[in-house]
Amino acid sequence: MLIAGLPPFRSRKEYAAFVLGAVKPGRKFKVSIDIREIAVHGDWAHVWARERSEVVREPGTPPIRASGDSLNVLRRAPGGGWLVAIASNMMAMEGV
């Protein structure tokens, strides 16, 4: 996973720790995704989307907002489902 302004997450464990840190009890987390393009190339695919997120870290504090484009590359698994091969997220903090 590639996120603007952060070092690359090289494992699911690293990314899971990041996400779980953002969604601790008492925090509110909202995400909206506007898919702009999906294309399948055999056993590979890409998804381009515009994303917006909002996190309330502490009750009663203003939300932290971010938005931007993402590009995900997927590969077909042996069972026919799709797995994320690489995710690139260019969301930037708003008002920073």
Protein backbone atom coordinates (compact mmCIF):
# COMPACT_ATOMS: atom_id res chain seq x y z
CA MET A 1 0.00 0.00 0.00
CA LEU A 2 1.32 3.39 -1.02
CA ILE A 3 -0.08 6.48 0.74
CA ALA A 4 1.15 10.00 -0.01
CA GLY A 5 3.42 11.33 2.74
CA LEU A 6 3.97 7.93 4.41
CA PRO A 7 6.57 5.22 3.85
CA PRO A 8 5.27 2.22 1.87
CA PHE A 9 3.42 -0.46 3.84
CA ARG A 10 5.27 -3.66 2.91
CA SER A 11 2.99 -6.15 4.63
CA ARG A 12 -0.62 -6.71 5.61
CA LYS A 13 0.50 -6.53 9.26
CA GLU A 14 1.93 -3.00 8.83
CA TYR A 15 -1.17 -1.76 7.02
CA ALA A 16 -3.54 -3.41 9.51
CA ALA A 17 -1.73 -1.67 12.41
CA PHE A 18 -2.14 1.69 10.62
CA VAL A 19 -5.87 1.17 9.97
CA LEU A 20 -6.60 -0.15 13.46
CA GLY A 21 -4.85 2.91 14.92
CA ALA A 22 -7.31 5.13 13.03
CA VAL A 23 -10.46 3.29 14.07
CA LYS A 24 -10.04 2.92 17.83
CA PRO A 25 -13.21 2.80 19.98
CA GLY A 26 -14.91 6.19 20.17
CA ARG A 27 -13.55 7.31 16.81
CA LYS A 28 -15.82 7.85 13.85
CA PHE A 29 -14.54 6.92 10.41
CA LYS A 30 -16.36 7.62 7.12
CA VAL A 31 -15.19 6.84 3.59
CA SER A 32 -16.79 7.56 0.23
CA ILE A 33 -15.45 6.14 -3.02
CA ASP A 34 -16.36 7.33 -6.53
CA ILE A 35 -15.09 4.72 -9.00
CA ARG A 36 -13.87 6.44 -12.17
CA GLU A 37 -12.63 3.44 -14.17
CA ILE A 38 -12.39 -0.34 -13.97
CA ALA A 39 -10.57 -2.32 -16.65
CA VAL A 40 -9.87 -6.05 -16.78
CA HIS A 41 -6.79 -7.31 -18.63
CA GLY A 42 -7.04 -11.11 -18.47
CA ASP A 43 -6.05 -12.13 -14.94
CA TRP A 44 -5.13 -8.54 -14.04
CA ALA A 45 -7.29 -5.46 -13.53
CA HIS A 46 -6.99 -1.87 -12.42
CA VAL A 47 -9.41 0.37 -10.53
CA TRP A 48 -9.09 4.16 -10.50
CA ALA A 49 -11.21 5.95 -7.91
CA ARG A 50 -11.66 9.29 -6.17
CA GLU A 51 -11.81 8.84 -2.39
CA ARG A 52 -12.76 11.04 0.54
CA SER A 53 -12.39 10.15 4.22
CA GLU A 54 -13.28 11.76 7.52
CA VAL A 55 -11.96 10.70 10.95
CA VAL A 56 -13.06 12.06 14.33
CA ARG A 57 -10.16 11.11 16.61
CA GLU A 58 -11.68 12.30 19.86
CA PRO A 59 -15.37 12.97 20.60
CA GLY A 60 -16.14 16.69 20.33
CA THR A 61 -13.11 17.52 18.15
CA PRO A 62 -13.29 18.62 14.51
CA PRO A 63 -12.92 15.85 11.92
CA ILE A 64 -9.73 15.25 9.99
CA ARG A 65 -10.53 15.10 6.26
CA ALA A 66 -8.55 13.78 3.33
CA SER A 67 -9.34 13.29 -0.34
CA GLY A 68 -7.67 12.29 -3.57
CA ASP A 69 -7.27 9.63 -6.21
CA SER A 70 -6.36 5.98 -5.78
CA LEU A 71 -5.19 3.39 -8.27
CA ASN A 72 -5.38 -0.29 -7.35
CA VAL A 73 -3.96 -3.17 -9.37
CA LEU A 74 -5.73 -6.49 -8.84
CA ARG A 75 -4.89 -10.07 -9.84
CA ARG A 76 -7.28 -12.97 -10.22
CA ALA A 77 -6.87 -15.68 -7.58
CA PRO A 78 -6.97 -19.39 -8.48
CA GLY A 79 -10.57 -19.63 -7.15
CA GLY A 80 -11.70 -16.77 -9.43
CA GLY A 81 -11.84 -13.96 -6.86
CA TRP A 82 -9.69 -10.84 -7.02
CA LEU A 83 -6.76 -9.89 -4.77
CA VAL A 84 -5.14 -6.47 -4.43
CA ALA A 85 -1.60 -6.72 -5.84
CA ILE A 86 -0.76 -3.06 -5.17
CA ALA A 87 -2.75 -0.11 -3.89
CA SER A 88 -1.64 3.46 -4.47
CA ASN A 89 -3.52 6.13 -2.56
CA MET A 90 -2.87 9.81 -3.30
CA MET A 91 -5.23 11.26 -0.69
CA ALA A 92 -4.02 14.49 0.87
CA MET A 93 -5.05 16.01 4.17
CA GLU A 94 -7.43 18.94 3.76
CA GLY A 95 -6.59 22.21 5.49
CA VAL A 96 -2.99 21.19 6.23
